């Protein structure tokens, strides 16, 4: 029974992480451009942080917390907020996405949602 319960919670947390990833890659997200790519300067701006914090507050009411990680080749990952030292199970969902570094440089990257709690 305990294994079944753990798997159920894990599936639920995965589905939540996937839903958050969908919200953060949707065309109406403040750092997504019209072609579906992430604008790095918008992603690192306070408006994006406020948007992510609003979503985090919504999920925290159900005991779920998460960070957003943006990665691409040759760069250190960008986490918002910083990943805390937590114990317990984490679930990660990633989406491949183009990242616009500047007006002339776009690179393939990945947006990852790391969740825990629930």
C-alpha atoms as a PDB file:
ATOM      1  CA  UNK A   1       0.000   0.000   0.000  1.00  0.00           C
ATOM      2  CA  UNK A   2       2.803   2.439   0.845  1.00  0.00           C
ATOM      3  CA  UNK A   3       4.443   1.925  -2.555  1.00  0.00           C
ATOM      4  CA  UNK A   4       1.097   2.535  -4.276  1.00  0.00           C
ATOM      5  CA  UNK A   5       0.582   5.715  -2.245  1.00  0.00           C
ATOM      6  CA  UNK A   6       4.095   6.970  -3.091  1.00  0.00           C
ATOM      7  CA  UNK A   7       3.517   6.341  -6.799  1.00  0.00           C
ATOM      8  CA  UNK A   8       0.181   8.126  -6.686  1.00  0.00           C
ATOM      9  CA  UNK A   9       1.756  11.179  -5.061  1.00  0.00           C
ATOM     10  CA  UNK A  10       4.634  11.056  -7.540  1.00  0.00           C
ATOM     11  CA  UNK A  11       2.266  10.942 -10.529  1.00  0.00           C
ATOM     12  CA  UNK A  12       0.229  13.800  -9.109  1.00  0.00           C
ATOM     13  CA  UNK A  13       3.370  15.886  -8.527  1.00  0.00           C
ATOM     14  CA  UNK A  14       4.573  15.111 -12.071  1.00  0.00           C
ATOM     15  CA  UNK A  15       1.225  16.240 -13.499  1.00  0.00           C
ATOM     16  CA  UNK A  16       1.445  19.438 -11.460  1.00  0.00           C
ATOM     17  CA  UNK A  17       4.973  20.121 -12.718  1.00  0.00           C
ATOM     18  CA  UNK A  18       3.814  19.517 -16.296  1.00  0.00           C
ATOM     19  CA  UNK A  19       0.924  21.955 -15.833  1.00  0.00           C
ATOM     20  CA  UNK A  20       3.297  24.609 -14.489  1.00  0.00           C
ATOM     21  CA  UNK A  21       5.621  24.036 -17.456  1.00  0.00           C
ATOM     22  CA  UNK A  22       2.665  24.480 -19.807  1.00  0.00           C
ATOM     23  CA  UNK A  23       1.750  27.778 -18.125  1.00  0.00           C
ATOM     24  CA  UNK A  24       5.309  29.054 -18.367  1.00  0.00           C
ATOM     25  CA  UNK A  25       5.681  28.154 -22.041  1.00  0.00           C
ATOM     26  CA  UNK A  26       2.284  29.430 -23.155  1.00  0.00           C
ATOM     27  CA  UNK A  27       2.156  32.396 -25.567  1.00  0.00           C
ATOM     28  CA  UNK A  28       0.661  34.685 -22.911  1.00  0.00           C
ATOM     29  CA  UNK A  29       3.607  34.208 -20.511  1.00  0.00           C
ATOM     30  CA  UNK A  30       5.573  37.448 -20.076  1.00  0.00           C
ATOM     31  CA  UNK A  31       8.923  36.032 -21.253  1.00  0.00           C
ATOM     32  CA  UNK A  32       7.670  33.982 -24.224  1.00  0.00           C
ATOM     33  CA  UNK A  33       8.027  35.602 -27.634  1.00  0.00           C
ATOM     34  CA  UNK A  34       5.572  35.225 -30.489  1.00  0.00           C
ATOM     35  CA  UNK A  35       7.552  32.346 -32.012  1.00  0.00           C
ATOM     36  CA  UNK A  36       7.435  30.411 -28.725  1.00  0.00           C
ATOM     37  CA  UNK A  37      11.017  31.107 -27.677  1.00  0.00           C
ATOM     38  CA  UNK A  38      12.155  32.489 -24.323  1.00  0.00           C
ATOM     39  CA  UNK A  39      13.512  36.011 -24.288  1.00  0.00           C
ATOM     40  CA  UNK A  40      16.410  35.741 -21.809  1.00  0.00           C
ATOM     41  CA  UNK A  41      16.330  39.430 -20.872  1.00  0.00           C
ATOM     42  CA  UNK A  42      12.596  39.173 -20.123  1.00  0.00           C
ATOM     43  CA  UNK A  43      13.105  35.900 -18.208  1.00  0.00           C
ATOM     44  CA  UNK A  44      15.634  37.530 -15.880  1.00  0.00           C
ATOM     45  CA  UNK A  45      13.564  40.709 -15.399  1.00  0.00           C
ATOM     46  CA  UNK A  46      11.556  41.444 -12.253  1.00  0.00           C
ATOM     47  CA  UNK A  47       8.266  41.105 -14.164  1.00  0.00           C
ATOM     48  CA  UNK A  48       9.037  37.441 -14.892  1.00  0.00           C
ATOM     49  CA  UNK A  49      10.066  36.812 -11.285  1.00  0.00           C
ATOM     50  CA  UNK A  50       6.808  38.374 -10.081  1.00  0.00           C
ATOM     51  CA  UNK A  51       4.862  36.181 -12.533  1.00  0.00           C
ATOM     52  CA  UNK A  52       6.621  33.021 -11.313  1.00  0.00           C
ATOM     53  CA  UNK A  53       6.101  34.062  -7.678  1.00  0.00           C
ATOM     54  CA  UNK A  54       2.362  34.484  -8.297  1.00  0.00           C
ATOM     55  CA  UNK A  55       2.153  30.943  -9.670  1.00  0.00           C
ATOM     56  CA  UNK A  56       4.251  29.637  -6.756  1.00  0.00           C
ATOM     57  CA  UNK A  57       1.893  31.259  -4.248  1.00  0.00           C
ATOM     58  CA  UNK A  58      -1.092  29.599  -5.911  1.00  0.00           C
ATOM     59  CA  UNK A  59       0.469  26.141  -5.653  1.00  0.00           C
ATOM     60  CA  UNK A  60       1.882  26.690  -2.157  1.00  0.00           C
ATOM     61  CA  UNK A  61      -1.699  26.680  -0.842  1.00  0.00           C
ATOM     62  CA  UNK A  62      -1.678  22.950  -1.682  1.00  0.00           C
ATOM     63  CA  UNK A  63       1.775  22.353  -0.224  1.00  0.00           C
ATOM     64  CA  UNK A  64       3.567  22.334  -3.602  1.00  0.00           C
ATOM     65  CA  UNK A  65       6.656  24.429  -4.255  1.00  0.00           C
ATOM     66  CA  UNK A  66       8.839  24.655  -7.331  1.00  0.00           C
ATOM     67  CA  UNK A  67      11.685  26.404  -9.058  1.00  0.00           C
ATOM     68  CA  UNK A  68      12.189  27.193 -12.721  1.00  0.00           C
ATOM     69  CA  UNK A  69      15.538  26.258 -14.276  1.00  0.00           C
ATOM     70  CA  UNK A  70      16.703  27.549 -17.649  1.00  0.00           C
ATOM     71  CA  UNK A  71      19.679  25.783 -19.266  1.00  0.00           C
ATOM     72  CA  UNK A  72      21.565  25.844 -22.528  1.00  0.00           C
ATOM     73  CA  UNK A  73      24.927  24.586 -23.725  1.00  0.00           C
ATOM     74  CA  UNK A  74      27.955  26.473 -22.468  1.00  0.00           C
ATOM     75  CA  UNK A  75      26.160  28.390 -19.703  1.00  0.00           C
ATOM     76  CA  UNK A  76      25.475  27.925 -16.031  1.00  0.00           C
ATOM     77  CA  UNK A  77      21.841  27.083 -15.260  1.00  0.00           C
ATOM     78  CA  UNK A  78      19.623  29.962 -14.220  1.00  0.00           C
ATOM     79  CA  UNK A  79      17.328  29.010 -11.331  1.00  0.00           C
ATOM     80  CA  UNK A  80      14.494  31.097 -10.008  1.00  0.00           C
ATOM     81  CA  UNK A  81      14.261  31.054  -7.113  1.00  0.00           C
ATOM     82  CA  UNK A  82      17.393  29.263  -5.953  1.00  0.00           C
ATOM     83  CA  UNK A  83      16.895  25.556  -5.296  1.00  0.00           C
ATOM     84  CA  UNK A  84      16.706  25.123  -1.511  1.00  0.00           C
ATOM     85  CA  UNK A  85      18.401  22.303   0.336  1.00  0.00           C
ATOM     86  CA  UNK A  86      15.317  20.157   0.824  1.00  0.00           C
ATOM     87  CA  UNK A  87      14.760  16.585   1.732  1.00  0.00           C
ATOM     88  CA  UNK A  88      12.148  14.369   0.205  1.00  0.00           C
ATOM     89  CA  UNK A  89      11.098  13.638  -3.319  1.00  0.00           C
ATOM     90  CA  UNK A  90      11.534  16.066  -6.162  1.00  0.00           C
ATOM     91  CA  UNK A  91       9.941  15.729  -9.555  1.00  0.00           C
ATOM     92  CA  UNK A  92      11.273  17.480 -12.671  1.00  0.00           C
ATOM     93  CA  UNK A  93       9.608  18.155 -15.995  1.00  0.00           C
ATOM     94  CA  UNK A  94      11.550  19.690 -18.888  1.00  0.00           C
ATOM     95  CA  UNK A  95      10.596  21.263 -22.176  1.00  0.00           C
ATOM     96  CA  UNK A  96      12.980  21.913 -25.034  1.00  0.00           C
ATOM     97  CA  UNK A  97      12.741  25.536 -26.096  1.00  0.00           C
ATOM     98  CA  UNK A  98      14.702  28.148 -28.023  1.00  0.00           C
ATOM     99  CA  UNK A  99      16.315  30.869 -25.952  1.00  0.00           C
ATOM    100  CA  UNK A 100      16.931  34.315 -27.417  1.00  0.00           C
ATOM    101  CA  UNK A 101      20.169  35.481 -25.818  1.00  0.00           C
ATOM    102  CA  UNK A 102      20.249  38.761 -27.730  1.00  0.00           C
ATOM    103  CA  UNK A 103      18.761  40.121 -30.984  1.00  0.00           C
ATOM    104  CA  UNK A 104      21.215  38.127 -33.132  1.00  0.00           C
ATOM    105  CA  UNK A 105      21.743  34.943 -31.122  1.00  0.00           C
ATOM    106  CA  UNK A 106      19.196  32.211 -30.407  1.00  0.00           C
ATOM    107  CA  UNK A 107      20.243  28.867 -28.919  1.00  0.00           C
ATOM    108  CA  UNK A 108      18.467  25.599 -28.150  1.00  0.00           C
ATOM    109  CA  UNK A 109      17.767  25.249 -24.452  1.00  0.00           C
ATOM    110  CA  UNK A 110      15.570  23.647 -21.849  1.00  0.00           C
ATOM    111  CA  UNK A 111      13.067  24.985 -19.340  1.00  0.00           C
ATOM    112  CA  UNK A 112      12.781  22.668 -16.324  1.00  0.00           C
ATOM    113  CA  UNK A 113      10.269  22.786 -13.494  1.00  0.00           C
ATOM    114  CA  UNK A 114      11.465  21.104 -10.296  1.00  0.00           C
ATOM    115  CA  UNK A 115       8.648  20.494  -7.805  1.00  0.00           C
ATOM    116  CA  UNK A 116       8.401  19.044  -4.323  1.00  0.00           C
ATOM    117  CA  UNK A 117       5.843  18.850  -1.580  1.00  0.00           C
ATOM    118  CA  UNK A 118       2.240  17.858  -1.871  1.00  0.00           C
END
